[in-house]
């Protein structure tokens, strides 16, 4: 009888410990996002929430060479939760953004650094479509950890949910100078992809008419001319006339692409 009571007490104590760990588990991520987007068919509300989910973890063993260990881990993480409503208030669809990811370095003398990297979440909308851009970041200490995380994406949502998902590429180095802007039925999206030494590798600009891509151009880096490198801005009007920054000029798209120097 005494043994049974001891086991019961032990089980209760273990349950309390487990519950305490769950309740006090650190939250991965810290950004804040609260927006409402009005479309012709209804509204989309975006808010940061904390949810228990599976997140990526990258452990780098650094000695004579870098050995990555990638795995998934269940944790409480911050995500941006999108919820779409019709004009009469009915829920149409829901979507959760990508999570931050965990990273850790271990070298031969067990020197450790660790942390988490939050994604860049950018949103824009036309009258009929919501665009969500998700770009992975990287820590300053080991920016090349980006190599072992997934692709960057742009999602296009309509009244019935996801309409299109386009890859923005996977690269060892995180993208920079990302921009997105909409007017009327048109949307312009652009970014610069750097190399490991910080110099540009290429820039890329996409223009959408509704959910359809009508312009997709990559601007390769030329060490003799910074003509086609993206410094991070773009504008578009309701007729689809687009201008976007290039370090030594301006890109213009109005059915055809032209470059204006200066």
C-alpha atoms as a PDB file:
ATOM      1  CA  UNK A   1       0.000   0.000   0.000  1.00  0.00           C
ATOM      2  CA  UNK A   2       2.858   2.329   0.885  1.00  0.00           C
ATOM      3  CA  UNK A   3       4.590   1.454  -2.415  1.00  0.00           C
ATOM      4  CA  UNK A   4       1.471   2.319  -4.418  1.00  0.00           C
ATOM      5  CA  UNK A   5       1.158   5.676  -2.668  1.00  0.00           C
ATOM      6  CA  UNK A   6       4.831   6.415  -3.340  1.00  0.00           C
ATOM      7  CA  UNK A   7       4.376   5.639  -7.037  1.00  0.00           C
ATOM      8  CA  UNK A   8       1.291   7.843  -7.169  1.00  0.00           C
ATOM      9  CA  UNK A   9       3.146  10.711  -5.511  1.00  0.00           C
ATOM     10  CA  UNK A  10       6.061  10.242  -7.943  1.00  0.00           C
ATOM     11  CA  UNK A  11       3.741  10.294 -10.957  1.00  0.00           C
ATOM     12  CA  UNK A  12       2.060  13.464  -9.669  1.00  0.00           C
ATOM     13  CA  UNK A  13       5.453  15.135  -9.168  1.00  0.00           C
ATOM     14  CA  UNK A  14       6.586  14.145 -12.672  1.00  0.00           C
ATOM     15  CA  UNK A  15       3.352  15.516 -14.145  1.00  0.00           C
ATOM     16  CA  UNK A  16       3.875  18.795 -12.321  1.00  0.00           C
ATOM     17  CA  UNK A  17       7.470  19.038 -13.604  1.00  0.00           C
ATOM     18  CA  UNK A  18       6.393  18.342 -17.200  1.00  0.00           C
ATOM     19  CA  UNK A  19       3.544  20.860 -16.965  1.00  0.00           C
ATOM     20  CA  UNK A  20       5.904  23.465 -15.524  1.00  0.00           C
ATOM     21  CA  UNK A  21       8.387  22.939 -18.376  1.00  0.00           C
ATOM     22  CA  UNK A  22       5.652  23.264 -20.992  1.00  0.00           C
ATOM     23  CA  UNK A  23       4.209  26.409 -19.432  1.00  0.00           C
ATOM     24  CA  UNK A  24       7.633  28.002 -19.041  1.00  0.00           C
ATOM     25  CA  UNK A  25       9.073  26.914 -22.378  1.00  0.00           C
ATOM     26  CA  UNK A  26      10.771  29.928 -23.989  1.00  0.00           C
ATOM     27  CA  UNK A  27       9.015  31.446 -26.979  1.00  0.00           C
ATOM     28  CA  UNK A  28      11.055  31.486 -30.204  1.00  0.00           C
ATOM     29  CA  UNK A  29      10.631  34.852 -31.922  1.00  0.00           C
ATOM     30  CA  UNK A  30       9.729  38.337 -30.811  1.00  0.00           C
ATOM     31  CA  UNK A  31       8.377  40.369 -33.754  1.00  0.00           C
ATOM     32  CA  UNK A  32       4.971  42.038 -33.757  1.00  0.00           C
ATOM     33  CA  UNK A  33       2.540  42.227 -36.681  1.00  0.00           C
ATOM     34  CA  UNK A  34      -1.032  43.597 -36.639  1.00  0.00           C
ATOM     35  CA  UNK A  35      -2.677  44.661 -39.913  1.00  0.00           C
ATOM     36  CA  UNK A  36      -6.017  44.510 -41.714  1.00  0.00           C
ATOM     37  CA  UNK A  37      -6.181  44.308 -45.516  1.00  0.00           C
ATOM     38  CA  UNK A  38      -9.368  45.256 -47.362  1.00  0.00           C
ATOM     39  CA  UNK A  39     -10.118  43.480 -50.640  1.00  0.00           C
ATOM     40  CA  UNK A  40     -13.068  43.478 -53.025  1.00  0.00           C
ATOM     41  CA  UNK A  41     -14.391  40.198 -51.576  1.00  0.00           C
ATOM     42  CA  UNK A  42     -13.712  40.813 -47.862  1.00  0.00           C
ATOM     43  CA  UNK A  43     -10.895  41.428 -45.394  1.00  0.00           C
ATOM     44  CA  UNK A  44      -7.762  39.663 -44.202  1.00  0.00           C
ATOM     45  CA  UNK A  45      -6.536  40.181 -40.640  1.00  0.00           C
ATOM     46  CA  UNK A  46      -2.910  39.494 -39.775  1.00  0.00           C
ATOM     47  CA  UNK A  47      -1.699  39.155 -36.184  1.00  0.00           C
ATOM     48  CA  UNK A  48       1.289  37.611 -34.455  1.00  0.00           C
ATOM     49  CA  UNK A  49       0.408  34.623 -32.308  1.00  0.00           C
ATOM     50  CA  UNK A  50       2.363  32.085 -30.274  1.00  0.00           C
ATOM     51  CA  UNK A  51       1.757  28.453 -31.165  1.00  0.00           C
ATOM     52  CA  UNK A  52       3.368  25.127 -30.411  1.00  0.00           C
ATOM     53  CA  UNK A  53       4.781  23.933 -33.707  1.00  0.00           C
ATOM     54  CA  UNK A  54       7.698  22.212 -35.417  1.00  0.00           C
ATOM     55  CA  UNK A  55      10.617  24.548 -36.179  1.00  0.00           C
ATOM     56  CA  UNK A  56      13.963  23.927 -37.924  1.00  0.00           C
ATOM     57  CA  UNK A  57      17.175  23.723 -35.890  1.00  0.00           C
ATOM     58  CA  UNK A  58      20.663  23.866 -37.422  1.00  0.00           C
ATOM     59  CA  UNK A  59      23.706  22.829 -35.374  1.00  0.00           C
ATOM     60  CA  UNK A  60      27.092  23.656 -36.936  1.00  0.00           C
ATOM     61  CA  UNK A  61      30.135  21.696 -35.843  1.00  0.00           C
ATOM     62  CA  UNK A  62      33.027  23.950 -36.779  1.00  0.00           C
ATOM     63  CA  UNK A  63      36.533  22.435 -36.938  1.00  0.00           C
ATOM     64  CA  UNK A  64      38.644  22.048 -40.061  1.00  0.00           C
ATOM     65  CA  UNK A  65      35.361  22.066 -41.956  1.00  0.00           C
ATOM     66  CA  UNK A  66      31.772  22.937 -41.133  1.00  0.00           C
ATOM     67  CA  UNK A  67      29.533  19.955 -40.484  1.00  0.00           C
ATOM     68  CA  UNK A  68      25.822  20.809 -40.302  1.00  0.00           C
ATOM     69  CA  UNK A  69      23.270  18.835 -38.348  1.00  0.00           C
ATOM     70  CA  UNK A  70      19.729  19.776 -39.307  1.00  0.00           C
ATOM     71  CA  UNK A  71      16.668  18.573 -37.456  1.00  0.00           C
ATOM     72  CA  UNK A  72      13.179  19.601 -36.487  1.00  0.00           C
ATOM     73  CA  UNK A  73      12.183  20.523 -32.964  1.00  0.00           C
ATOM     74  CA  UNK A  74       8.823  21.146 -31.326  1.00  0.00           C
ATOM     75  CA  UNK A  75       8.680  24.507 -29.582  1.00  0.00           C
ATOM     76  CA  UNK A  76       6.489  27.519 -28.912  1.00  0.00           C
ATOM     77  CA  UNK A  77       7.152  30.003 -31.714  1.00  0.00           C
ATOM     78  CA  UNK A  78       5.862  33.330 -32.958  1.00  0.00           C
ATOM     79  CA  UNK A  79       4.128  33.213 -36.344  1.00  0.00           C
ATOM     80  CA  UNK A  80       1.993  35.652 -38.315  1.00  0.00           C
ATOM     81  CA  UNK A  81      -1.543  34.277 -38.501  1.00  0.00           C
ATOM     82  CA  UNK A  82      -3.626  35.385 -41.498  1.00  0.00           C
ATOM     83  CA  UNK A  83      -7.399  34.954 -41.397  1.00  0.00           C
ATOM     84  CA  UNK A  84      -9.656  35.895 -44.304  1.00  0.00           C
ATOM     85  CA  UNK A  85     -13.310  36.871 -43.909  1.00  0.00           C
ATOM     86  CA  UNK A  86     -16.073  37.383 -46.458  1.00  0.00           C
ATOM     87  CA  UNK A  87     -18.080  40.606 -46.432  1.00  0.00           C
ATOM     88  CA  UNK A  88     -20.746  38.916 -44.293  1.00  0.00           C
ATOM     89  CA  UNK A  89     -18.127  37.853 -41.723  1.00  0.00           C
ATOM     90  CA  UNK A  90     -17.688  34.181 -42.636  1.00  0.00           C
ATOM     91  CA  UNK A  91     -14.201  32.680 -42.381  1.00  0.00           C
ATOM     92  CA  UNK A  92     -12.814  31.900 -45.843  1.00  0.00           C
ATOM     93  CA  UNK A  93      -9.296  30.628 -45.111  1.00  0.00           C
ATOM     94  CA  UNK A  94      -6.414  30.807 -42.646  1.00  0.00           C
ATOM     95  CA  UNK A  95      -2.650  30.685 -43.054  1.00  0.00           C
ATOM     96  CA  UNK A  96       0.351  30.718 -40.680  1.00  0.00           C
ATOM     97  CA  UNK A  97       3.689  32.154 -41.831  1.00  0.00           C
ATOM     98  CA  UNK A  98       7.005  30.376 -41.532  1.00  0.00           C
ATOM     99  CA  UNK A  99       8.577  30.267 -38.086  1.00  0.00           C
ATOM    100  CA  UNK A 100      11.956  31.516 -36.885  1.00  0.00           C
ATOM    101  CA  UNK A 101      14.669  28.842 -36.849  1.00  0.00           C
ATOM    102  CA  UNK A 102      17.172  27.924 -34.150  1.00  0.00           C
ATOM    103  CA  UNK A 103      20.919  27.811 -34.725  1.00  0.00           C
ATOM    104  CA  UNK A 104      23.919  26.715 -32.666  1.00  0.00           C
ATOM    105  CA  UNK A 105      27.672  26.483 -33.265  1.00  0.00           C
ATOM    106  CA  UNK A 106      30.037  24.011 -31.606  1.00  0.00           C
ATOM    107  CA  UNK A 107      33.786  23.953 -32.245  1.00  0.00           C
ATOM    108  CA  UNK A 108      36.614  21.667 -31.126  1.00  0.00           C
ATOM    109  CA  UNK A 109      36.895  23.275 -27.697  1.00  0.00           C
ATOM    110  CA  UNK A 110      33.130  23.216 -27.104  1.00  0.00           C
ATOM    111  CA  UNK A 111      32.769  26.960 -27.590  1.00  0.00           C
ATOM    112  CA  UNK A 112      29.103  27.554 -28.250  1.00  0.00           C
ATOM    113  CA  UNK A 113      26.976  30.331 -29.662  1.00  0.00           C
ATOM    114  CA  UNK A 114      23.261  29.991 -30.213  1.00  0.00           C
ATOM    115  CA  UNK A 115      20.145  31.952 -30.992  1.00  0.00           C
ATOM    116  CA  UNK A 116      17.256  32.172 -33.402  1.00  0.00           C
ATOM    117  CA  UNK A 117      16.758  33.951 -36.726  1.00  0.00           C
ATOM    118  CA  UNK A 118      13.400  35.535 -37.504  1.00  0.00           C
ATOM    119  CA  UNK A 119      12.078  35.622 -41.073  1.00  0.00           C
ATOM    120  CA  UNK A 120      11.186  38.789 -42.929  1.00  0.00           C
ATOM    121  CA  UNK A 121       7.429  38.824 -43.575  1.00  0.00           C
ATOM    122  CA  UNK A 122       6.156  41.432 -46.050  1.00  0.00           C
ATOM    123  CA  UNK A 123       2.579  41.860 -47.263  1.00  0.00           C
ATOM    124  CA  UNK A 124       0.883  43.827 -50.039  1.00  0.00           C
ATOM    125  CA  UNK A 125      -2.511  43.597 -51.709  1.00  0.00           C
ATOM    126  CA  UNK A 126      -4.402  44.529 -54.832  1.00  0.00           C
ATOM    127  CA  UNK A 127      -8.195  44.701 -54.935  1.00  0.00           C
ATOM    128  CA  UNK A 128      -8.445  40.916 -55.395  1.00  0.00           C
ATOM    129  CA  UNK A 129      -5.208  39.327 -54.158  1.00  0.00           C
ATOM    130  CA  UNK A 130      -3.036  39.288 -51.034  1.00  0.00           C
ATOM    131  CA  UNK A 131       0.723  38.822 -51.502  1.00  0.00           C
ATOM    132  CA  UNK A 132       2.808  37.389 -48.650  1.00  0.00           C
ATOM    133  CA  UNK A 133       6.602  37.391 -48.998  1.00  0.00           C
ATOM    134  CA  UNK A 134       8.610  35.160 -46.636  1.00  0.00           C
ATOM    135  CA  UNK A 135      12.390  35.555 -46.598  1.00  0.00           C
ATOM    136  CA  UNK A 136      14.722  33.718 -44.220  1.00  0.00           C
ATOM    137  CA  UNK A 137      17.239  35.824 -42.313  1.00  0.00           C
ATOM    138  CA  UNK A 138      20.549  34.747 -40.746  1.00  0.00           C
ATOM    139  CA  UNK A 139      22.552  35.676 -37.623  1.00  0.00           C
ATOM    140  CA  UNK A 140      25.502  38.035 -37.959  1.00  0.00           C
ATOM    141  CA  UNK A 141      27.745  35.553 -36.163  1.00  0.00           C
ATOM    142  CA  UNK A 142      27.279  32.827 -38.798  1.00  0.00           C
ATOM    143  CA  UNK A 143      25.372  34.253 -41.781  1.00  0.00           C
ATOM    144  CA  UNK A 144      26.196  31.182 -43.870  1.00  0.00           C
ATOM    145  CA  UNK A 145      23.821  29.130 -41.681  1.00  0.00           C
ATOM    146  CA  UNK A 146      21.207  30.294 -44.200  1.00  0.00           C
ATOM    147  CA  UNK A 147      22.593  27.588 -46.496  1.00  0.00           C
ATOM    148  CA  UNK A 148      20.780  24.858 -44.540  1.00  0.00           C
ATOM    149  CA  UNK A 149      17.361  26.496 -44.268  1.00  0.00           C
ATOM    150  CA  UNK A 150      14.527  26.283 -46.822  1.00  0.00           C
ATOM    151  CA  UNK A 151      13.664  28.394 -49.840  1.00  0.00           C
ATOM    152  CA  UNK A 152      12.215  31.911 -49.823  1.00  0.00           C
ATOM    153  CA  UNK A 153       8.695  32.260 -51.216  1.00  0.00           C
ATOM    154  CA  UNK A 154       5.980  34.619 -52.340  1.00  0.00           C
ATOM    155  CA  UNK A 155       2.405  33.442 -51.846  1.00  0.00           C
ATOM    156  CA  UNK A 156      -0.623  34.847 -53.665  1.00  0.00           C
ATOM    157  CA  UNK A 157      -3.994  34.392 -51.943  1.00  0.00           C
ATOM    158  CA  UNK A 158      -7.432  35.084 -53.353  1.00  0.00           C
ATOM    159  CA  UNK A 159     -10.958  34.723 -52.065  1.00  0.00           C
ATOM    160  CA  UNK A 160     -10.772  30.907 -52.054  1.00  0.00           C
ATOM    161  CA  UNK A 161      -7.276  30.656 -50.590  1.00  0.00           C
ATOM    162  CA  UNK A 162      -3.863  30.034 -52.100  1.00  0.00           C
ATOM    163  CA  UNK A 163      -3.731  30.826 -55.814  1.00  0.00           C
ATOM    164  CA  UNK A 164       0.024  30.747 -56.475  1.00  0.00           C
ATOM    165  CA  UNK A 165       3.285  29.938 -54.687  1.00  0.00           C
ATOM    166  CA  UNK A 166       6.526  31.080 -56.327  1.00  0.00           C
ATOM    167  CA  UNK A 167      10.060  30.310 -55.192  1.00  0.00           C
ATOM    168  CA  UNK A 168      12.367  33.297 -54.776  1.00  0.00           C
ATOM    169  CA  UNK A 169      15.323  30.925 -54.666  1.00  0.00           C
ATOM    170  CA  UNK A 170      17.500  29.291 -52.038  1.00  0.00           C
ATOM    171  CA  UNK A 171      20.939  30.774 -51.441  1.00  0.00           C
ATOM    172  CA  UNK A 172      23.667  30.409 -48.773  1.00  0.00           C
ATOM    173  CA  UNK A 173      23.293  34.125 -47.978  1.00  0.00           C
ATOM    174  CA  UNK A 174      20.100  35.919 -46.927  1.00  0.00           C
ATOM    175  CA  UNK A 175      18.435  38.310 -49.345  1.00  0.00           C
ATOM    176  CA  UNK A 176      18.477  42.062 -48.712  1.00  0.00           C
ATOM    177  CA  UNK A 177      16.766  45.204 -50.022  1.00  0.00           C
ATOM    178  CA  UNK A 178      13.454  43.352 -50.389  1.00  0.00           C
ATOM    179  CA  UNK A 179      10.489  45.479 -51.472  1.00  0.00           C
ATOM    180  CA  UNK A 180       6.886  44.917 -52.533  1.00  0.00           C
ATOM    181  CA  UNK A 181       4.225  47.441 -53.581  1.00  0.00           C
ATOM    182  CA  UNK A 182       0.775  47.258 -55.174  1.00  0.00           C
ATOM    183  CA  UNK A 183      -1.565  49.618 -57.027  1.00  0.00           C
ATOM    184  CA  UNK A 184      -4.814  48.792 -58.753  1.00  0.00           C
ATOM    185  CA  UNK A 185      -4.441  45.266 -60.082  1.00  0.00           C
ATOM    186  CA  UNK A 186      -0.625  45.361 -60.243  1.00  0.00           C
ATOM    187  CA  UNK A 187       2.154  44.381 -57.825  1.00  0.00           C
ATOM    188  CA  UNK A 188       5.931  44.822 -58.011  1.00  0.00           C
ATOM    189  CA  UNK A 189       8.355  42.698 -55.963  1.00  0.00           C
ATOM    190  CA  UNK A 190      12.138  42.928 -55.903  1.00  0.00           C
ATOM    191  CA  UNK A 191      15.246  42.003 -53.925  1.00  0.00           C
ATOM    192  CA  UNK A 192      19.022  41.825 -54.076  1.00  0.00           C
ATOM    193  CA  UNK A 193      20.923  38.568 -53.551  1.00  0.00           C
ATOM    194  CA  UNK A 194      24.378  39.176 -52.015  1.00  0.00           C
ATOM    195  CA  UNK A 195      27.477  37.012 -52.104  1.00  0.00           C
ATOM    196  CA  UNK A 196      29.501  35.903 -49.106  1.00  0.00           C
ATOM    197  CA  UNK A 197      31.792  38.941 -49.194  1.00  0.00           C
ATOM    198  CA  UNK A 198      28.813  41.308 -49.164  1.00  0.00           C
ATOM    199  CA  UNK A 199      29.009  42.264 -52.830  1.00  0.00           C
ATOM    200  CA  UNK A 200      25.888  41.755 -54.967  1.00  0.00           C
ATOM    201  CA  UNK A 201      25.365  38.487 -56.814  1.00  0.00           C
ATOM    202  CA  UNK A 202      22.247  39.588 -58.674  1.00  0.00           C
ATOM    203  CA  UNK A 203      18.993  41.482 -58.350  1.00  0.00           C
ATOM    204  CA  UNK A 204      15.555  40.244 -59.350  1.00  0.00           C
ATOM    205  CA  UNK A 205      12.279  42.035 -60.047  1.00  0.00           C
ATOM    206  CA  UNK A 206       8.855  40.461 -60.604  1.00  0.00           C
ATOM    207  CA  UNK A 207       5.708  42.293 -61.689  1.00  0.00           C
ATOM    208  CA  UNK A 208       2.224  40.782 -61.400  1.00  0.00           C
ATOM    209  CA  UNK A 209      -1.030  41.623 -63.133  1.00  0.00           C
ATOM    210  CA  UNK A 210      -3.495  40.132 -60.688  1.00  0.00           C
ATOM    211  CA  UNK A 211      -1.922  36.793 -59.805  1.00  0.00           C
ATOM    212  CA  UNK A 212      -0.126  36.379 -63.146  1.00  0.00           C
ATOM    213  CA  UNK A 213       3.571  37.171 -63.581  1.00  0.00           C
ATOM    214  CA  UNK A 214       4.005  39.549 -66.517  1.00  0.00           C
ATOM    215  CA  UNK A 215       7.660  40.470 -65.870  1.00  0.00           C
ATOM    216  CA  UNK A 216      10.433  38.453 -64.228  1.00  0.00           C
ATOM    217  CA  UNK A 217      13.968  39.704 -64.772  1.00  0.00           C
ATOM    218  CA  UNK A 218      17.276  38.894 -63.094  1.00  0.00           C
ATOM    219  CA  UNK A 219      19.957  41.578 -63.098  1.00  0.00           C
ATOM    220  CA  UNK A 220      23.410  39.934 -62.855  1.00  0.00           C
ATOM    221  CA  UNK A 221      26.271  41.658 -61.085  1.00  0.00           C
ATOM    222  CA  UNK A 222      28.901  43.292 -63.289  1.00  0.00           C
ATOM    223  CA  UNK A 223      32.030  44.395 -61.350  1.00  0.00           C
ATOM    224  CA  UNK A 224      32.639  47.064 -63.992  1.00  0.00           C
ATOM    225  CA  UNK A 225      29.167  48.598 -63.712  1.00  0.00           C
ATOM    226  CA  UNK A 226      26.599  48.674 -60.926  1.00  0.00           C
ATOM    227  CA  UNK A 227      23.911  49.378 -63.515  1.00  0.00           C
ATOM    228  CA  UNK A 228      21.700  46.461 -62.601  1.00  0.00           C
ATOM    229  CA  UNK A 229      21.888  46.032 -58.840  1.00  0.00           C
ATOM    230  CA  UNK A 230      18.783  46.564 -56.723  1.00  0.00           C
ATOM    231  CA  UNK A 231      19.095  49.098 -53.881  1.00  0.00           C
ATOM    232  CA  UNK A 232      15.653  48.343 -52.513  1.00  0.00           C
ATOM    233  CA  UNK A 233      12.763  50.403 -53.862  1.00  0.00           C
ATOM    234  CA  UNK A 234      10.087  50.052 -56.500  1.00  0.00           C
ATOM    235  CA  UNK A 235       6.848  51.823 -57.446  1.00  0.00           C
ATOM    236  CA  UNK A 236       3.917  50.859 -59.632  1.00  0.00           C
ATOM    237  CA  UNK A 237       0.746  52.687 -60.655  1.00  0.00           C
ATOM    238  CA  UNK A 238      -2.760  51.477 -61.493  1.00  0.00           C
ATOM    239  CA  UNK A 239      -1.874  51.160 -65.193  1.00  0.00           C
ATOM    240  CA  UNK A 240       1.082  48.865 -64.431  1.00  0.00           C
ATOM    241  CA  UNK A 241       3.760  51.489 -65.141  1.00  0.00           C
ATOM    242  CA  UNK A 242       6.672  50.479 -62.914  1.00  0.00           C
ATOM    243  CA  UNK A 243       9.911  52.096 -61.836  1.00  0.00           C
ATOM    244  CA  UNK A 244      12.525  50.550 -59.563  1.00  0.00           C
ATOM    245  CA  UNK A 245      15.923  51.558 -58.283  1.00  0.00           C
ATOM    246  CA  UNK A 246      19.217  50.457 -59.789  1.00  0.00           C
ATOM    247  CA  UNK A 247      22.412  51.789 -58.219  1.00  0.00           C
ATOM    248  CA  UNK A 248      23.380  53.894 -61.224  1.00  0.00           C
ATOM    249  CA  UNK A 249      19.939  54.513 -62.655  1.00  0.00           C
ATOM    250  CA  UNK A 250      16.299  53.453 -62.820  1.00  0.00           C
ATOM    251  CA  UNK A 251      14.561  50.464 -64.333  1.00  0.00           C
ATOM    252  CA  UNK A 252      11.290  51.205 -66.121  1.00  0.00           C
ATOM    253  CA  UNK A 253       8.682  48.669 -67.203  1.00  0.00           C
ATOM    254  CA  UNK A 254       5.620  49.587 -69.255  1.00  0.00           C
ATOM    255  CA  UNK A 255       5.153  46.499 -71.363  1.00  0.00           C
ATOM    256  CA  UNK A 256       8.872  46.527 -72.200  1.00  0.00           C
ATOM    257  CA  UNK A 257      11.914  47.108 -70.006  1.00  0.00           C
ATOM    258  CA  UNK A 258      14.172  50.141 -70.380  1.00  0.00           C
ATOM    259  CA  UNK A 259      17.085  51.389 -68.324  1.00  0.00           C
ATOM    260  CA  UNK A 260      17.475  55.077 -67.541  1.00  0.00           C
ATOM    261  CA  UNK A 261      20.953  56.075 -66.409  1.00  0.00           C
ATOM    262  CA  UNK A 262      21.481  58.626 -63.638  1.00  0.00           C
END
